[in-house]
Amino acid sequence: MNWRKIWTITRHEYLTNVRRTGFIIMTAIIPALGLIILILVALLLPRGDAVANWLEQQFDIGRKPIGVVDRSGYFTPIMPEYQETFILYGDSEEAEAALRADKLQAVLLIGEDYLETGRITAVTRESFGEAALADSDRVRAFLVNHMLADQADPALRRRVADPLENLQARILSGTGQERGGGMIFTFLVPYFLAIFLVMTIFSSSGYLLQSVAEEKESRVVEILISSVRPTELMAGKVLGLGALGLTQVLIWLGSAWGFTGGMATLLATLGNIGIPARVFVLGVVYYLLGYLLYAVLMAGVGALGTTLRESQQLGGIFSFAAVIPYTIASFVMINPNAPIARVFSFFPLTAPTMMMLRVPLGEVPWVDVAGSIGVLLLSIPAALWLGAKLFRVGLLIYGKRPTMREIWRILRS
């Protein structure tokens, strides 16, 4: 391949598209929205301790009391410390009328056989209100303290009601060394890395497919391939439009950086959570390998479309594959080495995002790391071969999208 021609195409694609009105508007939307939100927060949001009270009022976080209809006798009368957050009613009709009048968050109907069956009926106005009550610390504390009122001292009742009040976590590595952790380490970091890759894929592929489709429709591509090889044209477009997508994402991240305090906030965060260097090293490796794989595939398959819409539909197949690991993210958070997570780590289209989710969460076996990187390194040349063939033939296809049989014939030729 002629790298000088590739560089010329890369530079042309980047400089041409970075000046487009659509690119400038889409790039400026995120910082503009962030600035508007900051201005509104500064003007409208209360200051100091009033912020928590304001948020509590907006979302009704524990602001309304809970009605109680007690037929078991264990919760009558209500203890003094709970009389502001729980209200006792004589019958369910009266309690439900108060709920409909928006005076209560929910109503607990406690039957006579509660001690034997543990059955409580929760009446709420929200679809998942009963789930919120089941996980509510104040409801659990209310029930426990009333049942043990005459059988245990206050300190024991408090501890039984909330046995994990002061839970502290320690995370050990495979060598027995303690490392940082917490919510930021186990949730935000892997999501940030994987979302960064997905955002780049979506933004870059959009410009890539648009460029190829426009050149096909205007027949400019016929002139281009008379002076450059299709593989060189594809490589230049992948690099140039990939850099364009990266520019957009970096501008978005830079604006978020500035709005949230920048370097001081980042350094304070990293100092508190102690993120290992391997997380960032592997994150960069999977990011680069994942982007190259997806960009090459989208360039090849997107060229098969006869219009921009058809190209986007074909490229959307790979965009969907990039987000598959998010559908099982809850399982990965609990057990990053679950069998299903390991299987997706060895599948080329899901390996980058899945490994980005797994690596910060725990000790991933070195076999998975080496195997997934090896799979990606082998898949990129294969994707380049596949994409080059589809790209070369697809550029000159007009009028109709090729069938699967025609695509298979192209690959075999």
Protein backbone atom coordinates (compact mmCIF):
# COMPACT_ATOMS: atom_id res chain seq x y z
CA MET A 1 0.00 0.00 0.00
CA ASN A 2 1.07 3.58 -0.70
CA TRP A 3 1.14 5.29 2.70
CA ARG A 4 1.52 8.72 1.14
CA LYS A 5 -1.82 8.29 -0.65
CA ILE A 6 -3.40 6.95 2.54
CA TRP A 7 -2.17 10.02 4.46
CA THR A 8 -3.52 12.33 1.74
CA ILE A 9 -6.96 10.66 1.94
CA THR A 10 -6.89 10.73 5.74
CA ARG A 11 -6.04 14.43 5.82
CA HIS A 12 -8.68 15.28 3.19
CA GLU A 13 -11.45 13.36 4.94
CA TYR A 14 -10.66 14.94 8.30
CA LEU A 15 -10.32 18.55 7.11
CA THR A 16 -13.37 18.34 4.84
CA ASN A 17 -15.73 16.92 7.44
CA VAL A 18 -14.50 18.89 10.44
CA ARG A 19 -15.70 22.09 8.70
CA ARG A 20 -19.18 20.75 8.01
CA THR A 21 -22.03 22.68 9.61
CA GLY A 22 -23.64 19.45 10.82
CA PHE A 23 -20.44 18.33 12.56
CA ILE A 24 -19.97 21.72 14.24
CA ILE A 25 -23.59 21.83 15.46
CA MET A 26 -23.58 18.24 16.77
CA THR A 27 -20.24 18.80 18.49
CA ALA A 28 -21.41 22.03 20.13
CA ILE A 29 -24.73 20.63 21.37
CA ILE A 30 -23.30 18.70 24.34
CA PRO A 31 -21.18 21.57 25.77
CA ALA A 32 -24.06 23.99 25.18
CA LEU A 33 -26.50 21.78 27.06
CA GLY A 34 -23.99 21.37 29.88
CA LEU A 35 -23.54 25.14 30.13
CA ILE A 36 -27.30 25.73 30.14
CA ILE A 37 -27.75 23.16 32.92
CA LEU A 38 -25.00 24.78 35.00
CA ILE A 39 -26.60 28.21 34.59
CA LEU A 40 -30.03 26.91 35.55
CA VAL A 41 -28.59 25.09 38.57
CA ALA A 42 -26.74 28.22 39.67
CA LEU A 43 -29.85 30.38 39.33
CA LEU A 44 -32.58 28.05 40.56
CA LEU A 45 -31.05 25.45 42.87
CA PRO A 46 -30.93 26.41 46.57
CA ARG A 47 -27.57 26.84 48.26
CA GLY A 48 -25.91 24.95 51.10
CA ASP A 49 -27.92 22.47 53.18
CA ALA A 50 -31.09 23.49 51.40
CA VAL A 51 -29.98 21.46 48.34
CA ALA A 52 -30.65 18.12 50.02
CA ASN A 53 -34.04 19.31 51.24
CA TRP A 54 -34.91 20.60 47.78
CA LEU A 55 -33.98 17.30 46.14
CA GLU A 56 -35.93 15.39 48.78
CA GLN A 57 -39.00 17.45 48.04
CA GLN A 58 -38.65 17.03 44.28
CA PHE A 59 -38.33 13.24 44.40
CA ASP A 60 -40.34 12.57 47.56
CA ILE A 61 -37.38 10.76 49.13
CA GLY A 62 -38.88 9.72 52.44
CA ARG A 63 -40.85 12.96 52.75
CA LYS A 64 -44.33 11.46 53.03
CA PRO A 65 -45.27 9.16 55.92
CA ILE A 66 -46.37 5.55 55.51
CA GLY A 67 -49.79 4.45 56.65
CA VAL A 68 -50.14 1.30 58.79
CA VAL A 69 -53.24 -0.83 59.31
CA ASP A 70 -52.26 -3.26 62.08
CA ARG A 71 -54.43 -6.31 62.76
CA SER A 72 -51.66 -8.27 64.46
CA GLY A 73 -51.28 -6.01 67.49
CA TYR A 74 -47.48 -5.97 67.33
CA PHE A 75 -47.32 -2.45 65.90
CA THR A 76 -49.95 -0.77 68.06
CA PRO A 77 -49.32 1.79 69.43
CA ILE A 78 -46.59 3.18 67.20
CA MET A 79 -43.38 3.91 69.12
CA PRO A 80 -42.67 7.63 69.68
CA GLU A 81 -39.59 7.73 67.45
CA TYR A 82 -41.68 6.52 64.45
CA GLN A 83 -44.81 8.61 64.91
CA GLU A 84 -43.70 11.25 62.40
CA THR A 85 -42.93 8.77 59.59
CA PHE A 86 -45.65 6.14 60.24
CA ILE A 87 -49.35 6.82 60.84
CA LEU A 88 -51.68 4.21 62.34
CA TYR A 89 -55.15 3.82 60.78
CA GLY A 90 -58.11 1.84 62.07
CA ASP A 91 -59.14 0.34 58.73
CA SER A 92 -57.86 0.01 55.19
CA GLU A 93 -60.55 2.27 53.66
CA GLU A 94 -59.41 5.27 55.70
CA ALA A 95 -55.74 4.60 54.94
CA GLU A 96 -56.33 4.15 51.21
CA ALA A 97 -58.35 7.37 51.11
CA ALA A 98 -55.33 9.21 52.58
CA LEU A 99 -53.11 7.53 49.97
CA ARG A 100 -55.38 8.67 47.14
CA ALA A 101 -55.30 12.20 48.59
CA ASP A 102 -51.49 12.08 48.20
CA LYS A 103 -50.91 12.34 51.95
CA LEU A 104 -49.04 9.01 52.20
CA GLN A 105 -46.22 7.33 50.34
CA ALA A 106 -47.79 3.89 50.82
CA VAL A 107 -50.01 1.83 53.10
CA LEU A 108 -48.94 -1.35 54.90
CA LEU A 109 -51.78 -3.81 55.62
CA ILE A 110 -50.55 -6.18 58.34
CA GLY A 111 -52.77 -9.21 58.95
CA GLU A 112 -53.47 -11.13 62.14
CA ASP A 113 -51.23 -14.03 61.06
CA TYR A 114 -48.21 -11.84 60.29
CA LEU A 115 -45.96 -13.56 62.84
CA GLU A 116 -46.62 -16.97 61.31
CA THR A 117 -46.72 -16.04 57.60
CA GLY A 118 -44.80 -12.75 57.38
CA ARG A 119 -47.36 -11.56 54.84
CA ILE A 120 -47.83 -7.81 54.41
CA THR A 121 -49.87 -6.14 51.68
CA ALA A 122 -48.32 -2.93 50.37
CA VAL A 123 -50.70 -0.47 48.72
CA THR A 124 -48.93 2.15 46.59
CA ARG A 125 -49.61 4.47 43.68
CA GLU A 126 -46.40 3.59 41.79
CA SER A 127 -45.79 0.48 39.71
CA PHE A 128 -42.67 -0.54 41.65
CA GLY A 129 -43.59 1.03 44.98
CA GLU A 130 -43.71 -2.34 46.78
CA ALA A 131 -40.14 -3.10 45.66
CA ALA A 132 -38.96 0.21 47.10
CA LEU A 133 -40.68 -0.57 50.39
CA ALA A 134 -39.10 -4.03 50.55
CA ASP A 135 -35.66 -2.44 50.27
CA SER A 136 -36.46 0.45 52.61
CA ASP A 137 -34.30 0.64 55.74
CA ARG A 138 -36.89 2.67 57.64
CA VAL A 139 -39.64 0.07 57.02
CA ARG A 140 -37.34 -2.73 58.14
CA ALA A 141 -36.29 -0.79 61.25
CA PHE A 142 -39.94 -0.01 62.06
CA LEU A 143 -40.98 -3.66 61.90
CA VAL A 144 -38.01 -5.02 63.85
CA ASN A 145 -38.11 -2.43 66.62
CA HIS A 146 -41.81 -2.93 67.27
CA MET A 147 -41.61 -6.74 67.35
CA LEU A 148 -38.64 -6.67 69.75
CA ALA A 149 -39.86 -3.73 71.83
CA ASP A 150 -40.34 -5.77 75.03
CA GLN A 151 -37.76 -8.48 74.34
CA ALA A 152 -34.47 -6.67 73.68
CA ASP A 153 -32.65 -3.51 74.71
CA PRO A 154 -32.55 -0.53 72.28
CA ALA A 155 -28.95 -1.17 71.16
CA LEU A 156 -29.74 -4.77 70.17
CA ARG A 157 -32.93 -3.72 68.37
CA ARG A 158 -31.03 -1.09 66.40
CA ARG A 159 -28.35 -3.55 65.36
CA VAL A 160 -30.88 -6.23 64.36
CA ALA A 161 -32.77 -3.67 62.28
CA ASP A 162 -29.59 -2.61 60.42
CA PRO A 163 -26.82 -5.21 60.88
CA LEU A 164 -24.76 -3.80 57.98
CA GLU A 165 -24.92 -0.14 59.00
CA ASN A 166 -21.14 0.27 59.09
CA LEU A 167 -20.08 -2.22 56.42
CA GLN A 168 -16.51 -1.66 55.20
CA ALA A 169 -15.08 -3.42 52.15
CA ARG A 170 -11.54 -4.62 51.45
CA ILE A 171 -10.60 -5.86 47.98
CA LEU A 172 -7.68 -8.25 47.65
CA SER A 173 -5.78 -8.98 44.45
CA GLY A 174 -4.64 -12.44 43.40
CA THR A 175 -1.31 -11.86 45.22
CA GLY A 176 -3.05 -11.00 48.48
CA GLN A 177 -2.40 -7.27 48.25
CA GLU A 178 -5.17 -4.86 49.06
CA ARG A 179 -6.26 -2.48 46.33
CA GLY A 180 -8.66 0.43 46.05
CA GLY A 181 -12.25 -0.06 45.17
CA GLY A 182 -15.65 1.35 45.90
CA MET A 183 -18.50 2.41 43.69
CA ILE A 184 -16.36 4.51 41.35
CA PHE A 185 -13.85 1.73 40.81
CA THR A 186 -16.33 -1.07 40.27
CA PHE A 187 -18.96 0.77 38.28
CA LEU A 188 -18.02 4.12 36.76
CA VAL A 189 -14.54 3.24 35.46
CA PRO A 190 -15.52 0.17 33.38
CA TYR A 191 -18.66 1.86 32.12
CA PHE A 192 -16.71 4.99 31.19
CA LEU A 193 -14.15 3.03 29.17
CA ALA A 194 -16.74 0.91 27.36
CA ILE A 195 -19.09 3.82 26.68
CA PHE A 196 -16.15 5.81 25.32
CA LEU A 197 -15.53 3.05 22.76
CA VAL A 198 -19.21 2.78 21.81
CA MET A 199 -19.53 6.57 21.43
CA THR A 200 -16.50 6.65 19.15
CA ILE A 201 -17.82 3.76 17.06
CA PHE A 202 -21.23 5.41 16.62
CA SER A 203 -19.89 8.88 15.81
CA SER A 204 -17.08 7.71 13.53
CA SER A 205 -19.20 5.16 11.70
CA GLY A 206 -21.84 7.78 11.00
CA TYR A 207 -19.38 10.02 9.19
CA LEU A 208 -17.75 7.01 7.52
CA LEU A 209 -21.00 5.66 6.11
CA GLN A 210 -22.13 9.14 5.09
CA SER A 211 -18.89 9.78 3.21
CA VAL A 212 -18.98 6.46 1.34
CA ALA A 213 -22.67 6.75 0.48
CA GLU A 214 -22.35 10.32 -0.80
CA GLU A 215 -19.38 9.46 -3.00
CA LYS A 216 -21.23 6.46 -4.42
CA GLU A 217 -24.37 8.45 -5.17
CA SER A 218 -22.40 11.27 -6.83
CA ARG A 219 -20.13 8.76 -8.65
CA VAL A 220 -17.06 10.59 -7.37
CA VAL A 221 -15.79 7.23 -6.19
CA GLU A 222 -15.28 6.13 -9.81
CA ILE A 223 -12.68 8.86 -10.23
CA LEU A 224 -11.04 8.07 -6.90
CA ILE A 225 -10.48 4.37 -7.53
CA SER A 226 -8.86 5.18 -10.85
CA SER A 227 -5.92 6.71 -8.96
CA VAL A 228 -5.88 4.80 -5.64
CA ARG A 229 -6.49 1.20 -4.70
CA PRO A 230 -9.78 0.47 -2.88
CA THR A 231 -7.82 -0.80 0.14
CA GLU A 232 -5.90 2.48 0.34
CA LEU A 233 -9.12 4.45 -0.01
CA MET A 234 -10.75 2.44 2.78
CA ALA A 235 -7.72 2.79 5.07
CA GLY A 236 -7.60 6.55 4.53
CA LYS A 237 -11.30 6.93 5.26
CA VAL A 238 -11.10 4.76 8.39
CA LEU A 239 -8.18 6.76 9.79
CA GLY A 240 -9.47 10.20 8.78
CA LEU A 241 -13.06 9.76 9.89
CA GLY A 242 -11.95 7.85 12.97
CA ALA A 243 -9.86 10.88 13.94
CA LEU A 244 -12.93 13.03 13.29
CA GLY A 245 -15.03 10.95 15.67
CA LEU A 246 -12.27 11.05 18.27
CA THR A 247 -12.14 14.83 17.97
CA GLN A 248 -15.84 15.08 18.68
CA VAL A 249 -15.68 12.75 21.68
CA LEU A 250 -12.62 14.52 23.10
CA ILE A 251 -14.39 17.89 22.82
CA TRP A 252 -17.35 16.45 24.72
CA LEU A 253 -15.07 14.98 27.39
CA GLY A 254 -13.07 18.20 27.61
CA SER A 255 -16.20 20.24 28.19
CA ALA A 256 -17.34 17.80 30.89
CA TRP A 257 -13.86 18.01 32.40
CA GLY A 258 -14.07 21.79 32.60
CA PHE A 259 -17.62 21.85 33.96
CA THR A 260 -16.84 19.38 36.77
CA GLY A 261 -13.62 20.86 38.13
CA GLY A 262 -10.99 19.37 35.82
CA MET A 263 -7.66 18.24 37.13
CA ALA A 264 -8.32 18.82 40.84
CA THR A 265 -11.39 16.59 40.81
CA LEU A 266 -9.65 13.88 38.78
CA LEU A 267 -6.57 13.77 41.00
CA ALA A 268 -8.68 13.66 44.15
CA THR A 269 -10.74 10.82 42.71
CA LEU A 270 -7.76 8.75 41.57
CA GLY A 271 -6.02 9.27 44.90
CA ASN A 272 -8.99 7.90 46.79
CA ILE A 273 -9.72 4.80 44.74
CA GLY A 274 -6.20 3.64 43.79
CA ILE A 275 -6.95 2.36 40.29
CA PRO A 276 -4.21 -0.02 39.05
CA ALA A 277 -2.28 1.04 35.96
CA ARG A 278 -3.19 -2.22 34.20
CA VAL A 279 -6.82 -1.09 33.99
CA PHE A 280 -5.87 1.94 31.92
CA VAL A 281 -3.26 0.09 29.86
CA LEU A 282 -5.66 -2.70 28.94
CA GLY A 283 -8.42 -0.16 28.43
CA VAL A 284 -6.36 1.66 25.81
CA VAL A 285 -5.38 -1.65 24.15
CA TYR A 286 -8.98 -2.86 23.89
CA TYR A 287 -10.16 0.56 22.79
CA LEU A 288 -7.70 0.74 19.87
CA LEU A 289 -8.20 -2.87 18.79
CA GLY A 290 -11.97 -2.59 19.07
CA TYR A 291 -12.13 0.61 17.07
CA LEU A 292 -9.94 -0.78 14.26
CA LEU A 293 -12.07 -3.92 14.02
CA TYR A 294 -15.39 -2.11 13.92
CA ALA A 295 -14.21 0.67 11.61
CA VAL A 296 -12.89 -1.76 9.00
CA LEU A 297 -16.06 -3.88 9.09
CA MET A 298 -18.34 -0.86 8.85
CA ALA A 299 -16.41 0.59 5.95
CA GLY A 300 -16.65 -2.66 4.01
CA VAL A 301 -20.24 -3.55 4.77
CA GLY A 302 -21.44 0.05 4.58
CA ALA A 303 -20.18 0.29 1.00
CA LEU A 304 -22.68 -2.39 -0.03
CA GLY A 305 -25.61 -0.03 0.53
CA THR A 306 -26.94 1.87 -2.43
CA THR A 307 -28.06 4.79 -0.25
CA LEU A 308 -27.00 6.31 3.06
CA ARG A 309 -29.99 4.75 4.83
CA GLU A 310 -29.14 1.26 3.58
CA SER A 311 -25.50 1.72 4.60
CA GLN A 312 -26.56 2.78 8.10
CA GLN A 313 -28.82 -0.25 8.41
CA LEU A 314 -26.01 -2.60 7.45
CA GLY A 315 -23.52 -0.88 9.74
CA GLY A 316 -26.05 -0.96 12.58
CA ILE A 317 -25.53 -4.72 12.88
CA PHE A 318 -22.04 -4.14 14.23
CA SER A 319 -23.12 -1.19 16.37
CA PHE A 320 -25.64 -3.47 18.04
CA ALA A 321 -22.96 -6.09 18.69
CA ALA A 322 -20.86 -3.50 20.54
CA VAL A 323 -23.57 -2.97 23.18
CA ILE A 324 -24.47 -6.63 23.75
CA PRO A 325 -22.28 -6.84 26.90
CA TYR A 326 -24.44 -4.13 28.49
CA THR A 327 -27.43 -6.48 28.40
CA ILE A 328 -25.68 -8.76 30.90
CA ALA A 329 -23.81 -6.02 32.78
CA SER A 330 -25.64 -6.81 36.04
CA PHE A 331 -24.27 -10.38 35.97
CA VAL A 332 -20.78 -9.14 35.14
CA MET A 333 -20.83 -6.69 38.06
CA ILE A 334 -21.58 -9.53 40.46
CA ASN A 335 -19.19 -12.07 38.93
CA PRO A 336 -16.79 -10.72 36.26
CA ASN A 337 -15.55 -14.28 35.60
CA ALA A 338 -18.97 -15.81 34.99
CA PRO A 339 -19.03 -18.35 32.12
CA ILE A 340 -21.22 -16.15 29.91
CA ALA A 341 -18.84 -13.19 30.39
CA ARG A 342 -15.86 -15.37 29.47
CA VAL A 343 -17.62 -16.64 26.34
CA PHE A 344 -18.32 -13.10 25.10
CA SER A 345 -14.69 -12.19 25.84
CA PHE A 346 -13.53 -14.58 23.11
CA PHE A 347 -16.04 -13.39 20.49
CA PRO A 348 -14.39 -10.63 18.39
CA LEU A 349 -17.38 -8.29 18.16
CA THR A 350 -18.06 -8.31 21.92
CA ALA A 351 -14.52 -8.84 23.25
CA PRO A 352 -13.52 -5.12 23.50
CA THR A 353 -16.52 -3.89 25.50
CA MET A 354 -16.85 -7.06 27.57
CA MET A 355 -13.20 -7.01 28.64
CA MET A 356 -13.45 -3.29 29.40
CA LEU A 357 -16.27 -4.14 31.79
CA ARG A 358 -14.50 -7.12 33.36
CA VAL A 359 -10.92 -5.89 33.86
CA PRO A 360 -11.64 -3.22 36.53
CA LEU A 361 -14.01 -5.46 38.48
CA GLY A 362 -11.63 -8.18 39.65
CA GLU A 363 -8.79 -10.54 38.84
CA VAL A 364 -9.51 -11.63 35.27
CA PRO A 365 -7.55 -14.80 34.34
CA TRP A 366 -4.53 -14.05 32.17
CA VAL A 367 -5.82 -16.65 29.71
CA ASP A 368 -8.88 -14.47 29.08
CA VAL A 369 -6.79 -11.32 28.63
CA ALA A 370 -4.27 -12.94 26.29
CA GLY A 371 -6.94 -14.91 24.45
CA SER A 372 -9.21 -11.93 23.85
CA ILE A 373 -6.31 -9.77 22.63
CA GLY A 374 -5.15 -12.63 20.40
CA VAL A 375 -8.64 -13.03 18.96
CA LEU A 376 -8.80 -9.32 18.16
CA LEU A 377 -5.32 -9.30 16.62
CA LEU A 378 -6.30 -12.20 14.37
CA SER A 379 -9.71 -10.74 13.59
CA ILE A 380 -8.45 -7.35 12.39
CA PRO A 381 -6.47 -8.75 9.41
CA ALA A 382 -9.40 -11.03 8.60
CA ALA A 383 -11.79 -8.07 8.81
CA LEU A 384 -9.41 -6.05 6.64
CA TRP A 385 -9.43 -8.80 4.00
CA LEU A 386 -13.21 -9.14 4.21
CA GLY A 387 -13.80 -5.40 4.32
CA ALA A 388 -11.45 -4.70 1.42
CA LYS A 389 -13.26 -7.19 -0.83
CA LEU A 390 -16.70 -5.87 0.09
CA PHE A 391 -15.50 -2.29 -0.15
CA ARG A 392 -13.90 -2.79 -3.56
CA VAL A 393 -16.98 -4.41 -5.07
CA GLY A 394 -19.56 -2.39 -3.14
CA LEU A 395 -18.22 0.94 -4.35
CA LEU A 396 -19.28 0.17 -7.92
CA ILE A 397 -22.65 -1.43 -7.14
CA TYR A 398 -25.55 0.85 -8.07
CA GLY A 399 -29.30 0.47 -8.13
CA LYS A 400 -29.72 -2.46 -5.75
CA ARG A 401 -28.18 -4.00 -2.68
CA PRO A 402 -26.41 -7.31 -3.37
CA THR A 403 -28.02 -10.49 -2.09
CA MET A 404 -26.35 -12.85 0.36
CA ARG A 405 -25.57 -15.24 -2.52
CA GLU A 406 -23.84 -12.44 -4.43
CA ILE A 407 -21.87 -11.40 -1.36
CA TRP A 408 -20.74 -15.00 -0.85
CA ARG A 409 -19.67 -15.20 -4.49
CA ILE A 410 -17.66 -11.97 -4.03
CA LEU A 411 -15.87 -13.38 -0.98
CA ARG A 412 -14.99 -16.63 -2.78
CA SER A 413 -13.63 -14.89 -5.87
